[in-house]
Amino acid sequence: MKKKIKFIGALAIVLAIMLSLAACKSGDAEAEQNNVSSNEVKEEKEENQESNDIVTIKWVQVGSGMPANYDAWKANIDQYLEEKIGVHLDMEIVSWGNWDNRRSVMINTNEDYDIMFTNSGTYTSDVNLGAFLNISDLVQNKTPELYKFIPEDYWEASKVNGEIYAVPTYKDSSMTNYFIYDKELVESYDIDYTLLKELSDLTEPLTRIAQGENTSPFVLNTIGLDAVLSRYDQMSAGLPALGVRYDDESRTVVPVFEQEDIIRQLDILHEWYNAGIINSDAATLAELPTYRMAFVAQGWSKAAETTWGPQMGVDAVAEQWGETIVSNDTVRGSLSCISSSSENPEKALQLLELVNTDSYVRDALYYGLEGENFIYTDDNKVEKLNSDWTMAGYTQGTFFNVSQLVEDEFNQWDEVKELNANAKPSVLLGFTFDYSQVEDQLANCVEIFNRYKSEILTGTVDSQTQVPLMMEEMRAAGFDDLVQEAQSQVNHHFK
């Protein structure tokens, strides 16, 4: 009996040990399973956290410098953009006078930025340098709403070597120049501005104003009156001295500054400078004053009431100068390019998509900080509280989703669309000069032009003597090679 009891006891101990081991194994397996689940949750959480990270997009534009209330504006728009697309903004608004140098430094040193404003003057050359990202597939696949919104012709006009490197700004993408005046001033001198159609027509009334006000009524800065060159298609070469007149059916490539129509305009500018109509420091003045008695700008007639006048704090009037023209260059008058070194190109494009499709974002860039620069009225119009906002609206996105001003009795953007629809196309529309075979000659000629342009286009010097000197230097640097190569390509393209 004792042996049986001993056996049963031993068996019980063995069973207990076996159950204990089984329990341990079960516990280990459960713990292992728990660890796996915990790791999966942790990884998923990390992935979600990574996908929710806020990306800061640096956007570089030209304008009148950084807004005084930039920090408050940024805090407001960042909150909205964070909710919409997980983005914060870092804006750099470079002053007009510093733009050329600042842009050049950023491009040539590969400085960090995500989006940069550019235009036809440097777009093609910067693309060829590899500065901008090819977004041909990205913009269609990742931001289809943006791609659909902008007309196909504008995408075509923005292509270099068949690829898209920029988002064109869908606005007054044709070009119409206007003479703009302080309404009260021209009325006080009994000037019928509607009769002033050409530059020469302004000489007599501006002389009277200059003498009567004892100041220069037509203030220019280092850019000069480059609108005198606007009737020549520059083929996106970035050299205004080379071009084809927009209505020349023979499509003859010419030295622009040697053409009779340009010579006459430059002579007028020099006459104005000597008469004190143009300010004596024009060739060195970096920033234009907020108020100008008379000036030239690209836009539309109603902009006198909605833009030019309010910016100056006066009532303004405008009269069209020349025909409305559309060309590759006019479409490329405002482009947004993604840096080829951007770490967040998709987010940058999403931001541009939002700017072009979301009126709240568009208004913030165009008008400033709600409650400080403007307020919304009950009928969703905008009442501007001041003219302190320094960002330039044309550098950012479409005009067609900008909210109307409260005083607007009409939709000015309807006029812009009509101008676009009725614009006279350049004889070179769709053609882009491939200067890869004459790159050195072009670079040298651009450098020479930049040394002369401010003094010539402000009338500071006599163009009859300075233009021949400039052209002599350019020809020694290979200008005639540019003419020959461009003409050959034009003839081939339109054969």
Protein backbone atom coordinates (compact mmCIF):
# COMPACT_ATOMS: atom_id res chain seq x y z
CA MET A 1 0.00 0.00 0.00
CA LYS A 2 2.81 2.34 0.86
CA LYS A 3 4.48 1.57 -2.47
CA LYS A 4 1.24 2.37 -4.33
CA ILE A 5 0.88 5.61 -2.49
CA LYS A 6 4.50 6.44 -3.24
CA PHE A 7 3.90 5.70 -6.95
CA ILE A 8 0.78 7.87 -7.09
CA GLY A 9 2.66 10.64 -5.34
CA ALA A 10 5.52 10.40 -7.77
CA LEU A 11 3.10 10.45 -10.69
CA ALA A 12 1.40 13.50 -9.31
CA ILE A 13 4.73 15.29 -9.04
CA VAL A 14 5.57 14.39 -12.65
CA LEU A 15 2.17 15.62 -13.85
CA ALA A 16 2.58 18.82 -11.88
CA ILE A 17 5.98 19.41 -13.44
CA MET A 18 4.59 18.71 -16.92
CA LEU A 19 1.68 21.09 -16.38
CA SER A 20 4.04 23.68 -15.06
CA LEU A 21 6.25 23.38 -18.12
CA ALA A 22 3.22 23.56 -20.40
CA ALA A 23 2.04 26.62 -18.61
CA CYS A 24 5.46 28.23 -18.98
CA LYS A 25 5.49 27.49 -22.69
CA SER A 26 2.01 28.89 -23.04
CA GLY A 27 3.01 31.99 -21.12
CA ASP A 28 6.13 32.46 -23.23
CA ALA A 29 4.09 32.11 -26.42
CA GLU A 30 1.53 34.60 -25.18
CA ALA A 31 4.25 36.99 -24.14
CA GLU A 32 5.90 36.59 -27.51
CA GLN A 33 2.58 37.26 -29.24
CA ASN A 34 2.03 40.28 -27.06
CA ASN A 35 5.49 41.59 -27.95
CA VAL A 36 4.77 41.15 -31.67
CA SER A 37 1.46 42.99 -31.35
CA SER A 38 3.11 45.70 -29.31
CA ASN A 39 5.86 46.13 -31.89
CA GLU A 40 3.29 46.26 -34.70
CA VAL A 41 1.32 48.92 -32.88
CA LYS A 42 4.51 50.85 -32.19
CA GLU A 43 5.58 50.68 -35.84
CA GLU A 44 2.11 51.69 -37.01
CA LYS A 45 2.11 54.56 -34.56
CA GLU A 46 5.52 55.70 -35.78
CA GLU A 47 4.33 55.51 -39.39
CA ASN A 48 1.25 57.57 -38.56
CA GLN A 49 3.35 60.04 -36.67
CA GLU A 50 5.74 60.31 -39.62
CA SER A 51 2.86 60.84 -42.04
CA ASN A 52 1.50 63.58 -39.78
CA ASP A 53 4.79 65.48 -39.59
CA ILE A 54 4.44 69.12 -40.59
CA VAL A 55 6.57 70.05 -43.60
CA THR A 56 7.90 73.60 -43.94
CA ILE A 57 7.92 74.86 -47.52
CA LYS A 58 10.22 77.78 -48.33
CA TRP A 59 8.79 80.01 -51.04
CA VAL A 60 10.88 82.81 -52.56
CA GLN A 61 9.12 85.69 -54.32
CA VAL A 62 9.86 89.21 -55.47
CA GLY A 63 7.91 92.11 -53.97
CA SER A 64 8.30 95.17 -51.79
CA GLY A 65 10.16 93.32 -49.04
CA MET A 66 8.89 91.33 -46.08
CA PRO A 67 5.52 92.46 -44.63
CA ALA A 68 5.75 94.21 -41.27
CA ASN A 69 3.16 91.82 -39.82
CA TYR A 70 4.67 88.70 -41.37
CA ASP A 71 4.92 86.70 -38.11
CA ALA A 72 1.24 87.18 -37.28
CA TRP A 73 0.24 86.44 -40.86
CA LYS A 74 2.38 83.29 -40.89
CA ALA A 75 0.89 82.00 -37.65
CA ASN A 76 -2.59 82.40 -39.10
CA ILE A 77 -1.98 80.82 -42.50
CA ASP A 78 0.16 78.02 -41.06
CA GLN A 79 -2.73 76.84 -38.91
CA TYR A 80 -4.98 76.61 -41.97
CA LEU A 81 -2.34 74.95 -44.18
CA GLU A 82 -1.47 72.46 -41.44
CA GLU A 83 -5.05 71.24 -41.31
CA LYS A 84 -5.40 71.13 -45.08
CA ILE A 85 -2.12 69.60 -46.32
CA GLY A 86 0.27 69.38 -43.36
CA VAL A 87 2.39 72.33 -44.45
CA HIS A 88 3.86 75.46 -42.86
CA LEU A 89 5.18 78.38 -44.89
CA ASP A 90 8.55 80.10 -44.83
CA MET A 91 8.29 83.11 -47.16
CA GLU A 92 11.18 85.21 -48.45
CA ILE A 93 10.00 88.35 -50.21
CA VAL A 94 12.98 89.93 -51.94
CA SER A 95 12.78 93.62 -52.77
CA TRP A 96 12.53 94.59 -56.43
CA GLY A 97 15.94 96.24 -56.54
CA ASN A 98 17.70 93.23 -55.01
CA TRP A 99 15.83 90.54 -56.90
CA ASP A 100 18.20 89.90 -59.81
CA ASN A 101 21.22 89.52 -57.55
CA ARG A 102 19.45 87.49 -54.86
CA ARG A 103 17.88 85.12 -57.38
CA SER A 104 21.22 84.62 -59.11
CA VAL A 105 23.00 83.84 -55.84
CA MET A 106 20.34 81.30 -54.80
CA ILE A 107 20.46 79.53 -58.17
CA ASN A 108 24.23 79.47 -58.53
CA THR A 109 24.95 78.35 -54.95
CA ASN A 110 22.09 75.83 -54.85
CA GLU A 111 20.70 77.54 -51.74
CA ASP A 112 17.83 75.75 -50.00
CA TYR A 113 14.30 76.63 -51.11
CA ASP A 114 11.28 74.69 -52.32
CA ILE A 115 9.42 77.12 -54.61
CA MET A 116 10.82 80.10 -56.47
CA PHE A 117 9.07 82.73 -58.55
CA THR A 118 10.70 83.25 -61.92
CA ASN A 119 9.86 84.58 -65.35
CA SER A 120 10.89 84.37 -68.98
CA GLY A 121 14.06 86.38 -68.49
CA THR A 122 15.91 83.59 -66.69
CA TYR A 123 13.60 80.57 -66.77
CA THR A 124 15.15 78.65 -69.67
CA SER A 125 18.74 79.28 -68.61
CA ASP A 126 17.99 78.19 -65.03
CA VAL A 127 16.31 75.03 -66.32
CA ASN A 128 19.40 74.28 -68.39
CA LEU A 129 21.53 74.76 -65.27
CA GLY A 130 19.51 72.04 -63.57
CA ALA A 131 18.05 74.41 -60.96
CA PHE A 132 14.42 73.34 -61.34
CA LEU A 133 12.69 69.98 -61.05
CA ASN A 134 11.02 68.33 -64.02
CA ILE A 135 7.42 68.10 -62.78
CA SER A 136 5.84 66.73 -65.97
CA ASP A 137 4.61 63.50 -64.34
CA LEU A 138 4.39 64.71 -60.76
CA VAL A 139 1.99 67.57 -61.44
CA GLN A 140 -0.40 65.32 -63.37
CA ASN A 141 -0.28 62.35 -60.99
CA LYS A 142 -0.07 64.06 -57.59
CA THR A 143 -1.95 67.31 -58.19
CA PRO A 144 -4.43 66.54 -60.98
CA GLU A 145 -6.78 69.34 -59.91
CA LEU A 146 -4.02 71.88 -60.43
CA TYR A 147 -3.11 70.44 -63.82
CA LYS A 148 -6.73 70.48 -64.95
CA PHE A 149 -7.32 74.04 -63.74
CA ILE A 150 -4.61 75.67 -65.86
CA PRO A 151 -5.27 75.71 -69.65
CA GLU A 152 -3.30 73.19 -71.69
CA ASP A 153 -1.83 75.94 -73.89
CA TYR A 154 -0.20 77.49 -70.82
CA TRP A 155 1.43 74.21 -69.85
CA GLU A 156 2.71 73.93 -73.42
CA ALA A 157 4.12 77.47 -73.30
CA SER A 158 5.95 76.57 -70.08
CA LYS A 159 7.73 73.54 -71.53
CA VAL A 160 11.48 73.44 -72.13
CA ASN A 161 12.67 70.64 -74.41
CA GLY A 162 9.21 69.12 -74.18
CA GLU A 163 9.15 68.93 -70.35
CA ILE A 164 7.35 70.97 -67.67
CA TYR A 165 9.58 72.72 -65.14
CA ALA A 166 7.14 75.31 -63.80
CA VAL A 167 3.55 75.94 -62.80
CA PRO A 168 2.39 78.90 -64.94
CA THR A 169 0.36 81.57 -63.19
CA TYR A 170 -3.12 81.60 -64.72
CA LYS A 171 -3.86 85.31 -64.72
CA ASP A 172 -3.45 88.12 -67.26
CA SER A 173 -1.24 85.74 -69.18
CA SER A 174 -1.48 87.85 -72.26
CA MET A 175 0.28 91.22 -72.04
CA THR A 176 -1.43 94.60 -72.11
CA ASN A 177 0.47 97.74 -71.13
CA TYR A 178 -1.22 100.81 -69.68
CA PHE A 179 -0.37 104.42 -68.96
CA ILE A 180 -1.54 105.05 -65.38
CA TYR A 181 -2.10 108.47 -63.83
CA ASP A 182 -3.17 110.09 -60.57
CA LYS A 183 -6.72 111.06 -61.55
CA GLU A 184 -6.86 114.26 -59.49
CA LEU A 185 -3.52 115.40 -60.89
CA VAL A 186 -4.41 115.01 -64.57
CA GLU A 187 -7.77 116.68 -63.95
CA SER A 188 -6.09 119.63 -62.24
CA TYR A 189 -3.92 120.14 -65.33
CA ASP A 190 -6.91 119.64 -67.66
CA ILE A 191 -5.27 116.65 -69.36
CA ASP A 192 -7.48 114.31 -71.39
CA TYR A 193 -5.54 111.12 -70.74
CA THR A 194 -7.78 109.10 -73.08
CA LEU A 195 -6.13 110.85 -76.03
CA LEU A 196 -2.62 109.79 -74.95
CA LYS A 197 -2.05 106.58 -76.91
CA GLU A 198 1.71 106.54 -77.56
CA LEU A 199 4.78 107.44 -75.52
CA SER A 200 5.37 110.58 -77.59
CA ASP A 201 1.86 111.82 -76.70
CA LEU A 202 2.88 112.12 -73.04
CA THR A 203 5.76 114.55 -73.57
CA GLU A 204 3.75 117.78 -73.50
CA PRO A 205 1.45 116.98 -70.53
CA LEU A 206 4.28 115.50 -68.46
CA THR A 207 6.40 118.58 -69.14
CA ARG A 208 3.61 120.79 -67.79
CA ILE A 209 3.29 118.62 -64.68
CA ALA A 210 7.05 118.58 -64.09
CA GLN A 211 7.21 122.37 -64.29
CA GLY A 212 4.04 122.94 -62.30
CA GLU A 213 4.86 120.49 -59.50
CA ASN A 214 8.62 121.15 -59.57
CA THR A 215 9.34 117.44 -59.45
CA SER A 216 9.81 114.44 -61.75
CA PRO A 217 6.36 112.98 -62.53
CA PHE A 218 7.61 109.81 -64.28
CA VAL A 219 9.76 108.02 -61.69
CA LEU A 220 11.82 105.04 -62.83
CA ASN A 221 14.24 102.72 -61.04
CA THR A 222 17.10 100.54 -62.28
CA ILE A 223 14.70 98.36 -64.30
CA GLY A 224 13.84 101.34 -66.46
CA LEU A 225 10.94 101.44 -68.88
CA ASP A 226 11.45 97.94 -70.25
CA ALA A 227 7.91 98.04 -71.64
CA VAL A 228 9.36 99.76 -74.73
CA LEU A 229 10.77 96.35 -75.68
CA SER A 230 7.52 94.42 -75.20
CA ARG A 231 6.58 94.32 -78.88
CA TYR A 232 9.48 91.99 -79.55
CA ASP A 233 9.32 88.27 -78.77
CA GLN A 234 12.55 87.49 -76.97
CA MET A 235 12.25 83.74 -77.62
CA SER A 236 12.83 83.06 -73.90
CA ALA A 237 16.55 83.61 -74.40
CA GLY A 238 16.82 86.10 -71.55
CA LEU A 239 18.49 88.69 -73.81
CA PRO A 240 16.13 91.60 -74.65
CA ALA A 241 18.56 92.78 -77.33
CA LEU A 242 17.63 89.73 -79.44
CA GLY A 243 14.13 89.14 -80.80
CA VAL A 244 11.44 89.05 -83.45
CA ARG A 245 8.71 91.69 -83.62
CA TYR A 246 5.48 90.00 -82.54
CA ASP A 247 3.62 90.92 -85.77
CA ASP A 248 6.45 90.34 -88.29
CA GLU A 249 5.14 87.57 -90.50
CA SER A 250 8.63 87.07 -91.97
CA ARG A 251 9.82 86.09 -88.46
CA THR A 252 13.14 87.87 -88.91
CA VAL A 253 15.47 87.73 -85.90
CA VAL A 254 16.88 91.21 -85.31
CA PRO A 255 19.07 93.24 -82.93
CA VAL A 256 16.16 94.88 -81.08
CA PHE A 257 17.96 98.04 -79.97
CA GLU A 258 18.86 98.88 -83.56
CA GLN A 259 15.23 98.89 -84.77
CA GLU A 260 13.69 102.25 -85.69
CA ASP A 261 10.67 101.92 -83.39
CA ILE A 262 12.91 101.15 -80.41
CA ILE A 263 15.36 103.95 -81.25
CA ARG A 264 12.47 106.47 -81.29
CA GLN A 265 11.25 105.30 -77.87
CA LEU A 266 14.73 105.50 -76.35
CA ASP A 267 15.19 108.99 -77.76
CA ILE A 268 11.98 110.05 -76.00
CA LEU A 269 13.22 108.65 -72.69
CA HIS A 270 16.48 110.59 -73.00
CA GLU A 271 14.51 113.74 -73.82
CA TRP A 272 12.36 113.18 -70.73
CA TYR A 273 15.43 112.63 -68.56
CA ASN A 274 17.03 115.87 -69.71
CA ALA A 275 13.76 117.74 -69.14
CA GLY A 276 13.44 116.46 -65.57
CA ILE A 277 10.38 114.34 -66.34
CA ILE A 278 12.37 111.25 -65.30
CA ASN A 279 14.15 111.36 -61.93
CA SER A 280 17.90 111.98 -62.03
CA ASP A 281 18.71 108.92 -59.89
CA ALA A 282 16.68 106.49 -62.00
CA ALA A 283 19.67 104.37 -63.08
CA THR A 284 20.64 103.71 -59.45
CA LEU A 285 17.27 103.81 -57.65
CA ALA A 286 16.55 100.33 -56.27
CA GLU A 287 12.97 100.76 -55.00
CA LEU A 288 10.14 102.67 -56.61
CA PRO A 289 8.12 104.95 -54.32
CA THR A 290 4.59 103.89 -53.42
CA TYR A 291 3.13 106.97 -55.06
CA ARG A 292 3.92 107.95 -58.64
CA MET A 293 2.15 110.64 -60.64
CA ALA A 294 2.38 108.69 -63.90
CA PHE A 295 3.81 105.32 -64.83
CA VAL A 296 3.48 102.29 -67.11
CA ALA A 297 2.36 98.85 -65.95
CA GLN A 298 1.07 95.61 -67.37
CA GLY A 299 -2.46 94.66 -66.40
CA TRP A 300 -6.05 95.54 -67.29
CA SER A 301 -7.99 98.80 -67.30
CA LYS A 302 -10.07 98.15 -64.17
CA ALA A 303 -6.85 97.59 -62.21
CA ALA A 304 -6.67 101.38 -61.99
CA GLU A 305 -9.64 101.23 -59.61
CA THR A 306 -8.87 97.95 -57.86
CA THR A 307 -5.08 97.80 -57.70
CA TRP A 308 -2.95 100.71 -58.89
CA GLY A 309 -5.03 103.45 -57.27
CA PRO A 310 -5.51 101.73 -53.90
CA GLN A 311 -1.82 100.85 -53.74
CA MET A 312 -0.97 104.55 -54.06
CA GLY A 313 -3.79 105.75 -51.84
CA VAL A 314 -5.38 107.83 -54.61
CA ASP A 315 -7.90 107.47 -57.42
CA ALA A 316 -6.13 106.36 -60.58
CA VAL A 317 -7.05 106.20 -64.26
CA ALA A 318 -5.50 104.18 -67.07
CA GLU A 319 -5.31 104.12 -70.85
CA GLN A 320 -4.11 101.17 -72.93
CA TRP A 321 -0.76 101.43 -74.70
CA GLY A 322 -0.50 99.15 -77.73
CA GLU A 323 -2.18 95.85 -78.51
CA THR A 324 -2.77 92.89 -76.21
CA ILE A 325 -0.21 90.20 -77.07
CA VAL A 326 0.18 86.57 -76.06
CA SER A 327 3.47 84.72 -76.42
CA ASN A 328 5.61 82.19 -74.62
CA ASP A 329 7.18 85.11 -72.79
CA THR A 330 3.86 86.57 -71.62
CA VAL A 331 2.72 83.21 -70.26
CA ARG A 332 6.14 82.91 -68.63
CA GLY A 333 5.77 86.32 -67.04
CA SER A 334 5.01 84.54 -63.77
CA LEU A 335 6.10 80.99 -63.05
CA SER A 336 6.46 78.95 -59.86
CA CYS A 337 9.33 76.46 -60.01
CA ILE A 338 10.20 73.62 -57.65
CA SER A 339 13.86 73.38 -56.69
CA SER A 340 15.58 70.29 -58.07
CA SER A 341 17.01 69.90 -54.53
CA SER A 342 13.68 70.18 -52.73
CA GLU A 343 13.09 67.38 -50.22
CA ASN A 344 9.32 67.83 -50.47
CA PRO A 345 8.35 68.43 -54.11
CA GLU A 346 4.93 66.78 -53.70
CA LYS A 347 4.08 69.01 -50.76
CA ALA A 348 5.29 72.04 -52.70
CA LEU A 349 2.96 71.16 -55.57
CA GLN A 350 0.10 70.51 -53.13
CA LEU A 351 0.64 74.01 -51.79
CA LEU A 352 0.52 75.50 -55.29
CA GLU A 353 -2.62 73.49 -55.99
CA LEU A 354 -4.25 74.91 -52.87
CA VAL A 355 -3.22 78.46 -53.77
CA ASN A 356 -4.86 78.08 -57.17
CA THR A 357 -8.04 76.37 -55.97
CA ASP A 358 -8.70 77.64 -52.43
CA SER A 359 -9.87 81.26 -52.16
CA TYR A 360 -8.99 81.59 -48.48
CA VAL A 361 -5.33 80.74 -49.12
CA ARG A 362 -5.30 82.88 -52.26
CA ASP A 363 -6.75 85.88 -50.43
CA ALA A 364 -4.21 85.54 -47.62
CA LEU A 365 -1.33 85.76 -50.08
CA TYR A 366 -2.97 88.49 -52.15
CA TYR A 367 -4.44 90.75 -49.44
CA GLY A 368 -2.52 89.89 -46.23
CA LEU A 369 -3.75 89.16 -42.71
CA GLU A 370 -7.49 89.04 -42.15
CA GLY A 371 -8.49 91.52 -39.48
CA GLU A 372 -5.37 93.63 -39.96
CA ASN A 373 -4.95 94.17 -43.71
CA PHE A 374 -8.49 93.30 -44.76
CA ILE A 375 -11.83 91.92 -43.57
CA TYR A 376 -14.53 89.85 -45.24
CA THR A 377 -17.95 91.43 -45.62
CA ASP A 378 -21.28 89.64 -45.19
CA ASP A 379 -21.47 89.03 -48.94
CA ASN A 380 -17.96 87.45 -48.98
CA LYS A 381 -16.24 90.42 -50.53
CA VAL A 382 -13.02 91.99 -49.25
CA GLU A 383 -12.69 95.36 -47.58
CA LYS A 384 -9.06 96.49 -47.51
CA LEU A 385 -8.09 98.22 -44.28
CA ASN A 386 -4.79 99.62 -45.57
CA SER A 387 -2.23 99.33 -48.37
CA ASP A 388 0.55 97.90 -46.20
CA TRP A 389 0.70 94.42 -47.72
CA THR A 390 4.01 94.04 -49.59
CA MET A 391 3.67 90.70 -51.38
CA ALA A 392 3.14 90.92 -55.14
CA GLY A 393 -0.05 89.09 -56.10
CA TYR A 394 1.04 88.24 -59.62
CA THR A 395 3.94 86.09 -58.37
CA GLN A 396 1.75 83.62 -56.47
CA GLY A 397 -1.14 82.04 -58.33
CA THR A 398 -4.27 82.59 -60.37
CA PHE A 399 -6.27 85.81 -60.19
CA PHE A 400 -9.52 84.01 -60.87
CA ASN A 401 -10.16 82.83 -57.31
CA VAL A 402 -9.20 86.10 -55.60
CA SER A 403 -12.19 87.55 -53.74
CA GLN A 404 -13.64 90.77 -55.12
CA LEU A 405 -13.25 94.06 -53.30
CA VAL A 406 -16.31 95.50 -51.59
CA GLU A 407 -16.32 98.57 -53.83
CA ASP A 408 -16.20 96.49 -57.01
CA GLU A 409 -19.36 96.88 -59.03
CA PHE A 410 -17.97 94.45 -61.60
CA ASN A 411 -15.79 91.37 -61.69
CA GLN A 412 -12.44 92.64 -62.95
CA TRP A 413 -11.29 89.09 -63.65
CA ASP A 414 -13.91 88.85 -66.40
CA GLU A 415 -12.01 91.63 -68.20
CA VAL A 416 -8.75 89.72 -67.75
CA LYS A 417 -10.27 86.58 -69.26
CA GLU A 418 -11.57 88.62 -72.18
CA LEU A 419 -8.14 90.14 -72.78
CA ASN A 420 -6.61 86.66 -72.78
CA ALA A 421 -9.23 85.39 -75.23
CA ASN A 422 -8.77 88.28 -77.67
CA ALA A 423 -4.99 88.64 -77.45
CA LYS A 424 -3.01 88.82 -80.68
CA PRO A 425 -0.63 85.83 -80.77
CA SER A 426 3.03 86.41 -81.42
CA VAL A 427 4.27 85.03 -84.72
CA LEU A 428 6.64 82.88 -82.60
CA LEU A 429 4.01 81.46 -80.23
CA GLY A 430 5.10 77.94 -79.29
CA PHE A 431 8.75 78.44 -80.24
CA THR A 432 11.58 78.37 -77.70
CA PHE A 433 15.15 79.11 -78.72
CA ASP A 434 17.52 76.24 -77.92
CA TYR A 435 20.76 78.11 -77.30
CA SER A 436 22.82 75.11 -76.20
CA GLN A 437 25.11 75.52 -79.22
CA VAL A 438 25.75 79.22 -78.47
CA GLU A 439 25.60 79.17 -74.69
CA ASP A 440 28.88 81.03 -74.15
CA GLN A 441 27.99 83.76 -76.62
CA LEU A 442 24.60 84.23 -74.96
CA ALA A 443 26.05 84.41 -71.46
CA ASN A 444 28.61 86.99 -72.55
CA CYS A 445 26.00 89.12 -74.31
CA VAL A 446 23.66 89.01 -71.30
CA GLU A 447 26.51 90.22 -69.08
CA ILE A 448 27.18 93.10 -71.45
CA PHE A 449 23.50 94.02 -71.69
CA ASN A 450 23.16 94.06 -67.90
CA ARG A 451 25.93 96.63 -67.67
CA TYR A 452 24.20 98.99 -70.09
CA LYS A 453 20.48 98.39 -69.53
CA SER A 454 19.75 100.66 -66.55
CA GLU A 455 21.26 103.78 -68.10
CA ILE A 456 19.75 103.14 -71.54
CA LEU A 457 16.23 102.17 -70.38
CA THR A 458 15.97 105.11 -67.98
CA GLY A 459 17.08 107.68 -70.56
CA THR A 460 20.05 108.58 -68.41
CA VAL A 461 22.39 108.34 -71.41
CA ASP A 462 21.98 109.18 -75.06
CA SER A 463 21.04 105.92 -76.76
CA GLN A 464 22.39 107.27 -80.06
CA THR A 465 25.90 106.89 -78.64
CA GLN A 466 25.49 104.19 -75.99
CA VAL A 467 23.55 101.61 -78.01
CA PRO A 468 26.27 101.43 -80.71
CA LEU A 469 28.86 100.92 -77.96
CA MET A 470 26.78 98.15 -76.39
CA MET A 471 26.18 96.44 -79.72
CA GLU A 472 29.86 96.70 -80.64
CA GLU A 473 30.75 94.84 -77.44
CA MET A 474 28.02 92.28 -78.04
CA ARG A 475 29.11 91.57 -81.58
CA ALA A 476 32.66 91.06 -80.39
CA ALA A 477 31.21 88.57 -77.89
CA GLY A 478 29.30 86.59 -80.54
CA PHE A 479 25.94 88.38 -80.94
CA ASP A 480 25.79 87.66 -84.66
CA ASP A 481 26.23 83.94 -83.89
CA LEU A 482 23.08 84.18 -81.75
CA VAL A 483 21.14 85.84 -84.56
CA GLN A 484 22.24 83.20 -87.06
CA GLU A 485 21.47 80.24 -84.78
CA ALA A 486 18.10 81.64 -83.71
CA GLN A 487 17.08 82.40 -87.29
CA SER A 488 18.03 78.89 -88.38
CA GLN A 489 15.86 77.37 -85.64
CA VAL A 490 12.93 79.69 -86.35
CA ASN A 491 13.04 78.82 -90.06
CA HIS A 492 13.15 75.10 -89.26
CA HIS A 493 10.32 75.32 -86.72
CA PHE A 494 7.94 77.19 -89.03
CA LYS A 495 8.89 75.62 -92.36
